[in-house]
Amino acid sequence: MSQRSPCDDEDARTRNIAEYGYPDWYDWRCAKWGTKRDVQARLIYSNPDWAEFEFDSAWSPPRRWLEAVSRQYPKLLFQLKYEEPNNAFMGVAVSKNGRLREQTIEYSWMWRDDEAIGSDERSEESLARETP
């Protein structure tokens, strides 16, 4: 069980486990979607062969959701592009018939002393360290 469970009522937790397999919405979403928050997807583009949606999710891409929806529609190919700037990673996940392939790039190496490499706004202290 989650330490951060939003359901403190033990009877409700027990009923939820019996009915849904999880004590509350938080644990269910994390298990089923891979993230805690539902999304409000916006259709960006569509044609008979392609549809593109945009949405935000909480702290991680919904990988488990992607696997599940691709099992529901096994002939379709799903691609999920994501970026999490606060944790300095981005990537692409592709899924078909419940099989997921993913490439994630961490870009924390691009930052030094809270400044972007190549930035014109360097502090005097960082410039002094770079000067021989």
C-alpha atoms as a PDB file:
ATOM      1  CA  MET A   1       0.000   0.000   0.000  1.00  0.00           C
ATOM      2  CA  SER A   2       1.062   3.530  -0.688  1.00  0.00           C
ATOM      3  CA  GLN A   3       2.378   5.649   2.163  1.00  0.00           C
ATOM      4  CA  ARG A   4       0.786   8.689   0.487  1.00  0.00           C
ATOM      5  CA  SER A   5      -2.667   7.191   0.121  1.00  0.00           C
ATOM      6  CA  PRO A   6      -5.408   9.828  -0.013  1.00  0.00           C
ATOM      7  CA  CYS A   7      -7.943   7.374   1.519  1.00  0.00           C
ATOM      8  CA  ASP A   8      -7.637   7.178   5.321  1.00  0.00           C
ATOM      9  CA  ASP A   9     -10.903   5.269   5.924  1.00  0.00           C
ATOM     10  CA  GLU A  10      -9.867   1.606   6.446  1.00  0.00           C
ATOM     11  CA  ASP A  11     -13.354   0.283   5.601  1.00  0.00           C
ATOM     12  CA  ALA A  12     -13.363   2.232   2.327  1.00  0.00           C
ATOM     13  CA  ARG A  13      -9.863   1.003   1.524  1.00  0.00           C
ATOM     14  CA  THR A  14     -10.935  -2.604   2.112  1.00  0.00           C
ATOM     15  CA  ARG A  15     -14.036  -2.177  -0.090  1.00  0.00           C
ATOM     16  CA  ASN A  16     -11.959  -0.509  -2.810  1.00  0.00           C
ATOM     17  CA  ILE A  17      -9.436  -3.351  -2.804  1.00  0.00           C
ATOM     18  CA  ALA A  18     -12.241  -5.901  -3.084  1.00  0.00           C
ATOM     19  CA  GLU A  19     -13.978  -4.027  -5.907  1.00  0.00           C
ATOM     20  CA  TYR A  20     -11.100  -2.402  -7.837  1.00  0.00           C
ATOM     21  CA  GLY A  21      -7.970  -4.201  -6.653  1.00  0.00           C
ATOM     22  CA  TYR A  22      -6.485  -1.015  -5.151  1.00  0.00           C
ATOM     23  CA  PRO A  23      -7.193   0.946  -1.954  1.00  0.00           C
ATOM     24  CA  ASP A  24      -7.805   4.305  -3.658  1.00  0.00           C
ATOM     25  CA  TRP A  25      -7.651   6.295  -6.897  1.00  0.00           C
ATOM     26  CA  TYR A  26      -4.012   7.237  -6.339  1.00  0.00           C
ATOM     27  CA  ASP A  27      -2.720   3.658  -6.177  1.00  0.00           C
ATOM     28  CA  TRP A  28      -5.015   2.571  -9.042  1.00  0.00           C
ATOM     29  CA  ARG A  29      -3.783   5.343 -11.361  1.00  0.00           C
ATOM     30  CA  CYS A  30      -0.125   4.770 -10.519  1.00  0.00           C
ATOM     31  CA  ALA A  31      -0.521   1.033 -11.198  1.00  0.00           C
ATOM     32  CA  LYS A  32      -2.645   1.349 -14.348  1.00  0.00           C
ATOM     33  CA  TRP A  33      -1.295   4.527 -15.933  1.00  0.00           C
ATOM     34  CA  GLY A  34       2.165   4.962 -14.424  1.00  0.00           C
ATOM     35  CA  THR A  35       1.285   8.451 -13.171  1.00  0.00           C
ATOM     36  CA  LYS A  36      -1.052   9.850 -10.528  1.00  0.00           C
ATOM     37  CA  ARG A  37      -3.029  12.419 -12.506  1.00  0.00           C
ATOM     38  CA  ASP A  38      -5.644  11.996 -15.218  1.00  0.00           C
ATOM     39  CA  VAL A  39      -4.981  13.941 -18.404  1.00  0.00           C
ATOM     40  CA  GLN A  40      -7.105  16.343 -20.399  1.00  0.00           C
ATOM     41  CA  ALA A  41      -5.932  15.552 -23.929  1.00  0.00           C
ATOM     42  CA  ARG A  42      -6.304  18.147 -26.667  1.00  0.00           C
ATOM     43  CA  LEU A  43      -6.558  17.056 -30.306  1.00  0.00           C
ATOM     44  CA  ILE A  44      -3.811  18.827 -32.262  1.00  0.00           C
ATOM     45  CA  TYR A  45      -4.141  17.214 -35.703  1.00  0.00           C
ATOM     46  CA  SER A  46      -5.968  14.329 -37.339  1.00  0.00           C
ATOM     47  CA  ASN A  47      -6.578  12.708 -40.704  1.00  0.00           C
ATOM     48  CA  PRO A  48      -7.807   9.191 -41.616  1.00  0.00           C
ATOM     49  CA  ASP A  49      -4.354   7.682 -40.894  1.00  0.00           C
ATOM     50  CA  TRP A  50      -3.002   9.840 -38.073  1.00  0.00           C
ATOM     51  CA  ALA A  51      -4.070  11.616 -34.895  1.00  0.00           C
ATOM     52  CA  GLU A  52      -1.949  13.759 -32.612  1.00  0.00           C
ATOM     53  CA  PHE A  53      -2.916  14.747 -29.074  1.00  0.00           C
ATOM     54  CA  GLU A  54      -1.193  16.908 -26.468  1.00  0.00           C
ATOM     55  CA  PHE A  55      -1.494  16.601 -22.700  1.00  0.00           C
ATOM     56  CA  ASP A  56       0.325  17.091 -19.413  1.00  0.00           C
ATOM     57  CA  SER A  57       0.836  14.323 -16.862  1.00  0.00           C
ATOM     58  CA  ALA A  58       2.247  14.345 -13.360  1.00  0.00           C
ATOM     59  CA  TRP A  59       5.968  13.600 -12.880  1.00  0.00           C
ATOM     60  CA  SER A  60       6.304  10.836 -15.426  1.00  0.00           C
ATOM     61  CA  PRO A  61       5.054   9.774 -18.840  1.00  0.00           C
ATOM     62  CA  PRO A  62       2.063   7.393 -18.693  1.00  0.00           C
ATOM     63  CA  ARG A  63       3.969   4.331 -19.942  1.00  0.00           C
ATOM     64  CA  ARG A  64       1.587   1.771 -18.443  1.00  0.00           C
ATOM     65  CA  TRP A  65      -1.361   3.508 -20.077  1.00  0.00           C
ATOM     66  CA  LEU A  66       0.469   3.421 -23.419  1.00  0.00           C
ATOM     67  CA  GLU A  67       1.041  -0.332 -23.120  1.00  0.00           C
ATOM     68  CA  ALA A  68      -2.594  -0.937 -22.129  1.00  0.00           C
ATOM     69  CA  VAL A  69      -4.155   1.155 -24.910  1.00  0.00           C
ATOM     70  CA  SER A  70      -1.882  -0.437 -27.500  1.00  0.00           C
ATOM     71  CA  ARG A  71      -3.132  -3.883 -26.348  1.00  0.00           C
ATOM     72  CA  GLN A  72      -6.717  -2.651 -26.815  1.00  0.00           C
ATOM     73  CA  TYR A  73      -5.911  -1.516 -30.381  1.00  0.00           C
ATOM     74  CA  PRO A  74      -3.238  -4.025 -31.485  1.00  0.00           C
ATOM     75  CA  LYS A  75      -3.121  -2.908 -35.140  1.00  0.00           C
ATOM     76  CA  LEU A  76      -2.317   0.711 -34.255  1.00  0.00           C
ATOM     77  CA  LEU A  77       1.144   2.091 -33.553  1.00  0.00           C
ATOM     78  CA  PHE A  78       1.320   4.559 -30.652  1.00  0.00           C
ATOM     79  CA  GLN A  79       4.125   7.068 -30.118  1.00  0.00           C
ATOM     80  CA  LEU A  80       4.532   9.138 -26.969  1.00  0.00           C
ATOM     81  CA  LYS A  81       7.001  12.035 -26.912  1.00  0.00           C
ATOM     82  CA  TYR A  82       7.646  13.514 -23.488  1.00  0.00           C
ATOM     83  CA  GLU A  83       9.757  15.987 -21.567  1.00  0.00           C
ATOM     84  CA  GLU A  84      10.119  16.528 -17.842  1.00  0.00           C
ATOM     85  CA  PRO A  85      12.169  19.733 -17.484  1.00  0.00           C
ATOM     86  CA  ASN A  86      12.173  19.785 -13.677  1.00  0.00           C
ATOM     87  CA  ASN A  87      13.848  16.364 -13.601  1.00  0.00           C
ATOM     88  CA  ALA A  88      15.913  16.998 -16.760  1.00  0.00           C
ATOM     89  CA  PHE A  89      14.807  14.144 -18.986  1.00  0.00           C
ATOM     90  CA  MET A  90      12.947  13.643 -22.237  1.00  0.00           C
ATOM     91  CA  GLY A  91      12.229  10.757 -24.518  1.00  0.00           C
ATOM     92  CA  VAL A  92      10.079   8.825 -26.913  1.00  0.00           C
ATOM     93  CA  ALA A  93       8.104   5.655 -26.241  1.00  0.00           C
ATOM     94  CA  VAL A  94       6.580   3.555 -29.007  1.00  0.00           C
ATOM     95  CA  SER A  95       4.065   0.787 -28.380  1.00  0.00           C
ATOM     96  CA  LYS A  96       2.208  -1.720 -30.536  1.00  0.00           C
ATOM     97  CA  ASN A  97       0.125  -4.654 -29.316  1.00  0.00           C
ATOM     98  CA  GLY A  98       1.223  -4.056 -25.709  1.00  0.00           C
ATOM     99  CA  ARG A  99       4.956  -4.075 -26.454  1.00  0.00           C
ATOM    100  CA  LEU A 100       6.805  -0.915 -25.463  1.00  0.00           C
ATOM    101  CA  ARG A 101      10.149   0.380 -26.722  1.00  0.00           C
ATOM    102  CA  GLU A 102      11.564   3.545 -25.255  1.00  0.00           C
ATOM    103  CA  GLN A 103      14.535   5.870 -25.436  1.00  0.00           C
ATOM    104  CA  THR A 104      15.073   8.385 -22.636  1.00  0.00           C
ATOM    105  CA  ILE A 105      17.722  11.088 -22.539  1.00  0.00           C
ATOM    106  CA  GLU A 106      18.795  12.761 -19.329  1.00  0.00           C
ATOM    107  CA  TYR A 107      20.067  16.246 -19.899  1.00  0.00           C
ATOM    108  CA  SER A 108      21.204  17.331 -16.446  1.00  0.00           C
ATOM    109  CA  TRP A 109      24.763  17.204 -17.827  1.00  0.00           C
ATOM    110  CA  MET A 110      23.878  20.283 -19.885  1.00  0.00           C
ATOM    111  CA  TRP A 111      23.742  22.451 -16.770  1.00  0.00           C
ATOM    112  CA  ARG A 112      26.665  23.735 -14.734  1.00  0.00           C
ATOM    113  CA  ASP A 113      26.282  25.979 -11.707  1.00  0.00           C
ATOM    114  CA  ASP A 114      22.600  26.511 -12.603  1.00  0.00           C
ATOM    115  CA  GLU A 115      23.630  28.113 -15.881  1.00  0.00           C
ATOM    116  CA  ALA A 116      23.214  26.728 -19.373  1.00  0.00           C
ATOM    117  CA  ILE A 117      26.490  25.930 -21.090  1.00  0.00           C
ATOM    118  CA  GLY A 118      27.065  28.589 -23.694  1.00  0.00           C
ATOM    119  CA  SER A 119      24.936  31.114 -21.888  1.00  0.00           C
ATOM    120  CA  ASP A 120      26.033  34.709 -22.264  1.00  0.00           C
ATOM    121  CA  GLU A 121      24.923  35.452 -18.708  1.00  0.00           C
ATOM    122  CA  ARG A 122      27.709  33.842 -16.689  1.00  0.00           C
ATOM    123  CA  SER A 123      28.442  34.859 -13.150  1.00  0.00           C
ATOM    124  CA  GLU A 124      31.793  36.438 -12.290  1.00  0.00           C
ATOM    125  CA  GLU A 125      32.542  33.439 -10.052  1.00  0.00           C
ATOM    126  CA  SER A 126      32.027  30.895 -12.855  1.00  0.00           C
ATOM    127  CA  LEU A 127      34.075  33.031 -15.276  1.00  0.00           C
ATOM    128  CA  ALA A 128      36.891  33.227 -12.723  1.00  0.00           C
ATOM    129  CA  ARG A 129      36.949  29.427 -12.418  1.00  0.00           C
ATOM    130  CA  GLU A 130      37.191  29.095 -16.228  1.00  0.00           C
ATOM    131  CA  THR A 131      40.041  31.602 -16.550  1.00  0.00           C
ATOM    132  CA  PRO A 132      43.535  30.011 -16.351  1.00  0.00           C
END
